[in-house]
Amino acid sequence: MKHLIGFALAVLLTLAAFAGTATAPASAQALGPEGRVYAVETRDGRYNAQFRRGGRYEDSRGATGFWQFDGRTLCVIVRPPRGMEYETCMPWRDVSVGDRFESRAWTPDGSPARITRVE
């Protein structure tokens, strides 16, 4: 009986370990942009966007704001130092440092922007 209980416990621990490994990418995905920095290039110039803990947004142009992430969609409210506040939502793209992509969701007027993750 002791051997059967020991075997069952070993099987349960092994399954738990595999389950933890299988969910690791999902938990990384759940963090979204938190703690990350992106270089953003638009027709108006270049700036770095920082997604701070607690949903705070800041960028090198002096803009501030807030961000929310639901696991699939990132929404950002941006308050530029000059101009009108705007909100944009986009499907989340989880990229590695150095990876680059293009998007029209990072500008208030929908013009193209080139995004590179730097941190």
N, C-alpha and C. Protein backbone atom coordinates (compact mmCIF):
# COMPACT_ATOMS: atom_id res chain seq x y z
N MET A 1 0.83 -1.19 0.00
CA MET A 1 0.00 0.00 0.00
C MET A 1 0.88 1.26 0.00
N LYS A 2 1.98 1.25 0.80
CA LYS A 2 2.87 2.40 0.84
C LYS A 2 3.44 2.69 -0.55
N HIS A 3 3.79 1.63 -1.28
CA HIS A 3 4.37 1.80 -2.61
C HIS A 3 3.35 2.39 -3.58
N LEU A 4 2.10 1.99 -3.46
CA LEU A 4 1.05 2.51 -4.33
C LEU A 4 0.82 3.99 -4.08
N ILE A 5 0.80 4.39 -2.83
CA ILE A 5 0.62 5.81 -2.49
C ILE A 5 1.83 6.62 -2.98
N GLY A 6 3.02 6.09 -2.80
CA GLY A 6 4.23 6.76 -3.27
C GLY A 6 4.23 6.93 -4.78
N PHE A 7 3.80 5.87 -5.48
CA PHE A 7 3.74 5.92 -6.94
C PHE A 7 2.71 6.96 -7.39
N ALA A 8 1.55 6.95 -6.76
CA ALA A 8 0.49 7.91 -7.12
C ALA A 8 0.95 9.34 -6.87
N LEU A 9 1.64 9.57 -5.77
CA LEU A 9 2.16 10.91 -5.48
C LEU A 9 3.19 11.33 -6.52
N ALA A 10 4.07 10.42 -6.92
CA ALA A 10 5.08 10.73 -7.94
C ALA A 10 4.41 11.08 -9.26
N VAL A 11 3.36 10.35 -9.64
CA VAL A 11 2.64 10.63 -10.88
C VAL A 11 1.99 12.01 -10.81
N LEU A 12 1.36 12.32 -9.70
CA LEU A 12 0.70 13.63 -9.53
C LEU A 12 1.72 14.77 -9.60
N LEU A 13 2.86 14.60 -8.96
CA LEU A 13 3.89 15.65 -9.01
C LEU A 13 4.44 15.83 -10.42
N THR A 14 4.61 14.73 -11.14
CA THR A 14 5.09 14.81 -12.52
C THR A 14 4.07 15.53 -13.40
N LEU A 15 2.80 15.18 -13.26
CA LEU A 15 1.75 15.85 -14.04
C LEU A 15 1.67 17.33 -13.69
N ALA A 16 1.81 17.67 -12.42
CA ALA A 16 1.78 19.08 -12.01
C ALA A 16 2.94 19.84 -12.61
N ALA A 17 4.10 19.21 -12.68
CA ALA A 17 5.27 19.86 -13.28
C ALA A 17 5.03 20.13 -14.77
N PHE A 18 4.48 19.16 -15.48
CA PHE A 18 4.18 19.35 -16.90
C PHE A 18 3.12 20.43 -17.10
N ALA A 19 2.13 20.46 -16.25
CA ALA A 19 1.07 21.47 -16.36
C ALA A 19 1.65 22.86 -16.14
N GLY A 20 2.56 23.01 -15.19
CA GLY A 20 3.20 24.30 -14.96
C GLY A 20 4.02 24.76 -16.14
N THR A 21 4.71 23.83 -16.79
CA THR A 21 5.50 24.16 -17.98
C THR A 21 4.60 24.57 -19.12
N ALA A 22 3.48 23.89 -19.28
CA ALA A 22 2.57 24.18 -20.39
C ALA A 22 1.93 25.55 -20.25
N THR A 23 1.75 26.04 -19.02
CA THR A 23 1.09 27.32 -18.84
C THR A 23 2.07 28.49 -18.75
N ALA A 24 3.37 28.24 -18.77
CA ALA A 24 4.34 29.33 -18.65
C ALA A 24 4.20 30.38 -19.74
N PRO A 25 4.08 30.02 -21.03
CA PRO A 25 3.93 31.06 -22.03
C PRO A 25 2.65 31.87 -21.85
N ALA A 26 1.58 31.25 -21.42
CA ALA A 26 0.33 31.97 -21.21
C ALA A 26 0.50 33.02 -20.12
N SER A 27 1.24 32.70 -19.04
CA SER A 27 1.42 33.68 -17.99
C SER A 27 2.29 34.83 -18.46
N ALA A 28 3.28 34.55 -19.33
CA ALA A 28 4.08 35.62 -19.91
C ALA A 28 3.20 36.49 -20.80
N GLN A 29 2.30 35.87 -21.55
CA GLN A 29 1.37 36.60 -22.41
C GLN A 29 0.46 37.47 -21.55
N ALA A 30 0.07 36.98 -20.38
CA ALA A 30 -0.86 37.71 -19.53
C ALA A 30 -0.27 39.04 -19.04
N LEU A 31 1.06 39.15 -18.99
CA LEU A 31 1.67 40.40 -18.55
C LEU A 31 1.53 41.50 -19.58
N GLY A 32 1.42 41.14 -20.83
CA GLY A 32 1.32 42.14 -21.88
C GLY A 32 2.54 43.04 -21.91
N PRO A 33 2.36 44.34 -22.03
CA PRO A 33 3.49 45.24 -22.21
C PRO A 33 4.17 45.68 -20.91
N GLU A 34 3.68 45.25 -19.77
CA GLU A 34 4.19 45.76 -18.49
C GLU A 34 5.70 45.66 -18.39
N GLY A 35 6.35 46.78 -18.10
CA GLY A 35 7.79 46.83 -17.93
C GLY A 35 8.57 46.91 -19.22
N ARG A 36 7.89 47.00 -20.33
CA ARG A 36 8.58 47.02 -21.63
C ARG A 36 8.72 48.43 -22.19
N VAL A 37 9.71 48.57 -23.06
CA VAL A 37 9.97 49.85 -23.73
C VAL A 37 10.03 49.58 -25.23
N TYR A 38 9.38 50.45 -25.99
CA TYR A 38 9.35 50.31 -27.44
C TYR A 38 9.82 51.62 -28.08
N ALA A 39 10.63 51.50 -29.13
CA ALA A 39 10.99 52.65 -29.97
C ALA A 39 9.91 52.75 -31.05
N VAL A 40 9.34 53.94 -31.19
CA VAL A 40 8.27 54.16 -32.14
C VAL A 40 8.73 55.19 -33.16
N GLU A 41 8.69 54.83 -34.43
CA GLU A 41 9.06 55.74 -35.52
C GLU A 41 7.81 56.06 -36.33
N THR A 42 7.48 57.36 -36.42
CA THR A 42 6.33 57.80 -37.20
C THR A 42 6.80 58.86 -38.19
N ARG A 43 5.90 59.34 -39.01
CA ARG A 43 6.27 60.40 -39.96
C ARG A 43 6.59 61.71 -39.23
N ASP A 44 6.14 61.82 -37.96
CA ASP A 44 6.40 63.03 -37.16
C ASP A 44 7.67 62.93 -36.33
N GLY A 45 8.33 61.77 -36.31
CA GLY A 45 9.55 61.63 -35.52
C GLY A 45 9.63 60.29 -34.82
N ARG A 46 10.56 60.23 -33.88
CA ARG A 46 10.84 58.99 -33.15
C ARG A 46 10.74 59.27 -31.65
N TYR A 47 10.21 58.29 -30.90
CA TYR A 47 10.13 58.41 -29.45
C TYR A 47 10.14 57.02 -28.83
N ASN A 48 10.42 56.95 -27.54
CA ASN A 48 10.37 55.70 -26.79
C ASN A 48 9.11 55.70 -25.93
N ALA A 49 8.36 54.62 -26.00
CA ALA A 49 7.14 54.44 -25.21
C ALA A 49 7.42 53.43 -24.11
N GLN A 50 7.06 53.80 -22.87
CA GLN A 50 7.31 52.94 -21.70
C GLN A 50 5.98 52.55 -21.06
N PHE A 51 5.81 51.26 -20.84
CA PHE A 51 4.61 50.74 -20.20
C PHE A 51 4.97 50.34 -18.77
N ARG A 52 4.69 51.21 -17.85
CA ARG A 52 5.07 51.03 -16.44
C ARG A 52 4.08 50.13 -15.71
N ARG A 53 4.52 49.65 -14.56
CA ARG A 53 3.64 48.87 -13.69
C ARG A 53 2.43 49.69 -13.29
N GLY A 54 1.36 49.00 -13.02
CA GLY A 54 0.16 49.66 -12.55
C GLY A 54 -0.62 50.36 -13.66
N GLY A 55 -0.25 50.09 -14.92
CA GLY A 55 -1.01 50.66 -16.02
C GLY A 55 -0.62 52.07 -16.41
N ARG A 56 0.54 52.55 -15.96
CA ARG A 56 0.97 53.90 -16.34
C ARG A 56 1.74 53.87 -17.66
N TYR A 57 1.49 54.85 -18.50
CA TYR A 57 2.17 55.01 -19.79
C TYR A 57 2.96 56.32 -19.76
N GLU A 58 4.18 56.29 -20.28
CA GLU A 58 5.00 57.50 -20.43
C GLU A 58 5.81 57.35 -21.70
N ASP A 59 6.10 58.47 -22.35
CA ASP A 59 7.00 58.38 -23.50
C ASP A 59 7.97 59.56 -23.52
N SER A 60 8.97 59.46 -24.38
CA SER A 60 10.05 60.44 -24.40
C SER A 60 9.63 61.78 -25.01
N ARG A 61 8.41 61.88 -25.53
CA ARG A 61 7.88 63.17 -26.00
C ARG A 61 7.29 63.97 -24.85
N GLY A 62 7.17 63.33 -23.69
CA GLY A 62 6.55 63.98 -22.54
C GLY A 62 5.09 63.60 -22.36
N ALA A 63 4.59 62.70 -23.19
CA ALA A 63 3.21 62.24 -23.05
C ALA A 63 3.09 61.30 -21.86
N THR A 64 1.93 61.30 -21.25
CA THR A 64 1.62 60.39 -20.16
C THR A 64 0.28 59.73 -20.47
N GLY A 65 -0.12 58.80 -19.65
CA GLY A 65 -1.42 58.17 -19.85
C GLY A 65 -1.53 56.88 -19.09
N PHE A 66 -2.43 56.05 -19.57
CA PHE A 66 -2.74 54.78 -18.92
C PHE A 66 -2.90 53.70 -19.97
N TRP A 67 -2.60 52.46 -19.58
CA TRP A 67 -2.81 51.33 -20.48
C TRP A 67 -3.54 50.23 -19.75
N GLN A 68 -4.27 49.41 -20.52
CA GLN A 68 -4.97 48.24 -20.00
C GLN A 68 -4.72 47.09 -20.96
N PHE A 69 -4.62 45.89 -20.41
CA PHE A 69 -4.40 44.69 -21.22
C PHE A 69 -5.30 43.59 -20.70
N ASP A 70 -6.10 42.99 -21.58
CA ASP A 70 -7.04 41.95 -21.17
C ASP A 70 -6.58 40.54 -21.53
N GLY A 71 -5.32 40.41 -21.96
CA GLY A 71 -4.81 39.11 -22.37
C GLY A 71 -4.74 38.96 -23.88
N ARG A 72 -5.48 39.79 -24.60
CA ARG A 72 -5.46 39.75 -26.06
C ARG A 72 -5.39 41.13 -26.70
N THR A 73 -5.94 42.14 -26.03
CA THR A 73 -6.01 43.48 -26.59
C THR A 73 -5.35 44.48 -25.65
N LEU A 74 -4.52 45.36 -26.22
CA LEU A 74 -3.89 46.45 -25.47
C LEU A 74 -4.61 47.74 -25.82
N CYS A 75 -5.07 48.46 -24.82
CA CYS A 75 -5.68 49.77 -25.01
C CYS A 75 -4.84 50.80 -24.25
N VAL A 76 -4.58 51.93 -24.90
CA VAL A 76 -3.75 52.98 -24.31
C VAL A 76 -4.46 54.32 -24.45
N ILE A 77 -4.52 55.06 -23.36
CA ILE A 77 -4.98 56.45 -23.38
C ILE A 77 -3.72 57.30 -23.29
N VAL A 78 -3.49 58.14 -24.29
CA VAL A 78 -2.28 58.96 -24.37
C VAL A 78 -2.66 60.42 -24.22
N ARG A 79 -1.95 61.10 -23.31
CA ARG A 79 -2.13 62.54 -23.09
C ARG A 79 -0.85 63.25 -23.51
N PRO A 80 -0.78 63.70 -24.78
CA PRO A 80 0.42 64.39 -25.23
C PRO A 80 0.59 65.73 -24.52
N PRO A 81 1.82 66.25 -24.43
CA PRO A 81 2.02 67.55 -23.79
C PRO A 81 1.30 68.66 -24.56
N ARG A 82 1.20 68.48 -25.88
CA ARG A 82 0.44 69.41 -26.72
C ARG A 82 -0.50 68.58 -27.57
N GLY A 83 -1.68 69.06 -27.80
CA GLY A 83 -2.63 68.31 -28.61
C GLY A 83 -3.67 67.62 -27.77
N MET A 84 -4.50 66.88 -28.46
CA MET A 84 -5.66 66.24 -27.83
C MET A 84 -5.30 64.85 -27.30
N GLU A 85 -5.90 64.51 -26.16
CA GLU A 85 -5.81 63.16 -25.62
C GLU A 85 -6.47 62.20 -26.61
N TYR A 86 -5.91 61.01 -26.74
CA TYR A 86 -6.52 60.01 -27.61
C TYR A 86 -6.39 58.63 -27.01
N GLU A 87 -7.27 57.74 -27.44
CA GLU A 87 -7.24 56.35 -27.01
C GLU A 87 -7.11 55.46 -28.23
N THR A 88 -6.30 54.43 -28.10
CA THR A 88 -6.14 53.47 -29.17
C THR A 88 -6.12 52.07 -28.58
N CYS A 89 -6.72 51.13 -29.30
CA CYS A 89 -6.70 49.73 -28.90
C CYS A 89 -6.18 48.91 -30.07
N MET A 90 -5.44 47.87 -29.75
CA MET A 90 -4.84 47.04 -30.79
C MET A 90 -4.69 45.61 -30.31
N PRO A 91 -4.72 44.65 -31.23
CA PRO A 91 -4.42 43.28 -30.82
C PRO A 91 -2.98 43.23 -30.32
N TRP A 92 -2.75 42.47 -29.26
CA TRP A 92 -1.42 42.39 -28.65
C TRP A 92 -0.48 41.58 -29.52
N ARG A 93 0.71 42.11 -29.72
CA ARG A 93 1.79 41.40 -30.42
C ARG A 93 2.93 41.22 -29.44
N ASP A 94 3.16 39.99 -29.02
CA ASP A 94 4.23 39.71 -28.08
C ASP A 94 5.51 39.49 -28.87
N VAL A 95 6.42 40.46 -28.83
CA VAL A 95 7.66 40.38 -29.59
C VAL A 95 8.85 40.40 -28.65
N SER A 96 9.96 39.87 -29.11
CA SER A 96 11.20 39.84 -28.34
C SER A 96 11.97 41.14 -28.53
N VAL A 97 12.91 41.41 -27.63
CA VAL A 97 13.77 42.58 -27.75
C VAL A 97 14.47 42.53 -29.11
N GLY A 98 14.42 43.65 -29.83
CA GLY A 98 15.03 43.75 -31.15
C GLY A 98 14.07 43.48 -32.29
N ASP A 99 12.93 42.84 -32.01
CA ASP A 99 11.95 42.57 -33.05
C ASP A 99 11.21 43.85 -33.43
N ARG A 100 10.84 43.94 -34.70
CA ARG A 100 10.19 45.14 -35.24
C ARG A 100 8.94 44.74 -36.00
N PHE A 101 7.91 45.60 -35.92
CA PHE A 101 6.70 45.40 -36.71
C PHE A 101 6.11 46.76 -37.05
N GLU A 102 5.18 46.77 -37.99
CA GLU A 102 4.50 48.01 -38.37
C GLU A 102 3.06 47.96 -37.92
N SER A 103 2.53 49.13 -37.55
CA SER A 103 1.16 49.22 -37.07
C SER A 103 0.61 50.61 -37.35
N ARG A 104 -0.69 50.69 -37.55
CA ARG A 104 -1.37 51.98 -37.68
C ARG A 104 -2.10 52.34 -36.39
N ALA A 105 -2.00 51.46 -35.38
CA ALA A 105 -2.71 51.68 -34.13
C ALA A 105 -1.93 52.54 -33.13
N TRP A 106 -0.68 52.86 -33.42
CA TRP A 106 0.16 53.59 -32.47
C TRP A 106 0.16 55.10 -32.73
N THR A 107 -0.66 55.57 -33.64
CA THR A 107 -0.73 56.99 -33.95
C THR A 107 -2.18 57.46 -33.84
N PRO A 108 -2.40 58.71 -33.46
CA PRO A 108 -3.78 59.19 -33.29
C PRO A 108 -4.55 59.26 -34.60
N ASP A 109 -3.85 59.40 -35.73
CA ASP A 109 -4.55 59.54 -37.01
C ASP A 109 -4.51 58.28 -37.86
N GLY A 110 -3.97 57.20 -37.32
CA GLY A 110 -3.93 55.94 -38.05
C GLY A 110 -2.84 55.85 -39.10
N SER A 111 -1.90 56.79 -39.07
CA SER A 111 -0.78 56.73 -40.01
C SER A 111 0.18 55.61 -39.57
N PRO A 112 0.99 55.11 -40.50
CA PRO A 112 1.87 53.98 -40.16
C PRO A 112 2.96 54.36 -39.15
N ALA A 113 3.30 53.39 -38.33
CA ALA A 113 4.40 53.54 -37.37
C ALA A 113 5.20 52.25 -37.38
N ARG A 114 6.50 52.38 -37.19
CA ARG A 114 7.37 51.21 -37.06
C ARG A 114 7.72 51.09 -35.58
N ILE A 115 7.44 49.92 -35.01
CA ILE A 115 7.61 49.67 -33.58
C ILE A 115 8.73 48.66 -33.39
N THR A 116 9.68 48.98 -32.49
CA THR A 116 10.76 48.05 -32.15
C THR A 116 10.82 47.91 -30.64
N ARG A 117 10.80 46.68 -30.16
CA ARG A 117 10.94 46.48 -28.71
C ARG A 117 12.40 46.65 -28.34
N VAL A 118 12.66 47.55 -27.37
CA VAL A 118 14.03 47.79 -26.94
C VAL A 118 14.31 47.27 -25.53
N GLU A 119 13.31 47.04 -24.73
CA GLU A 119 13.45 46.44 -23.38
C GLU A 119 12.28 45.55 -23.10
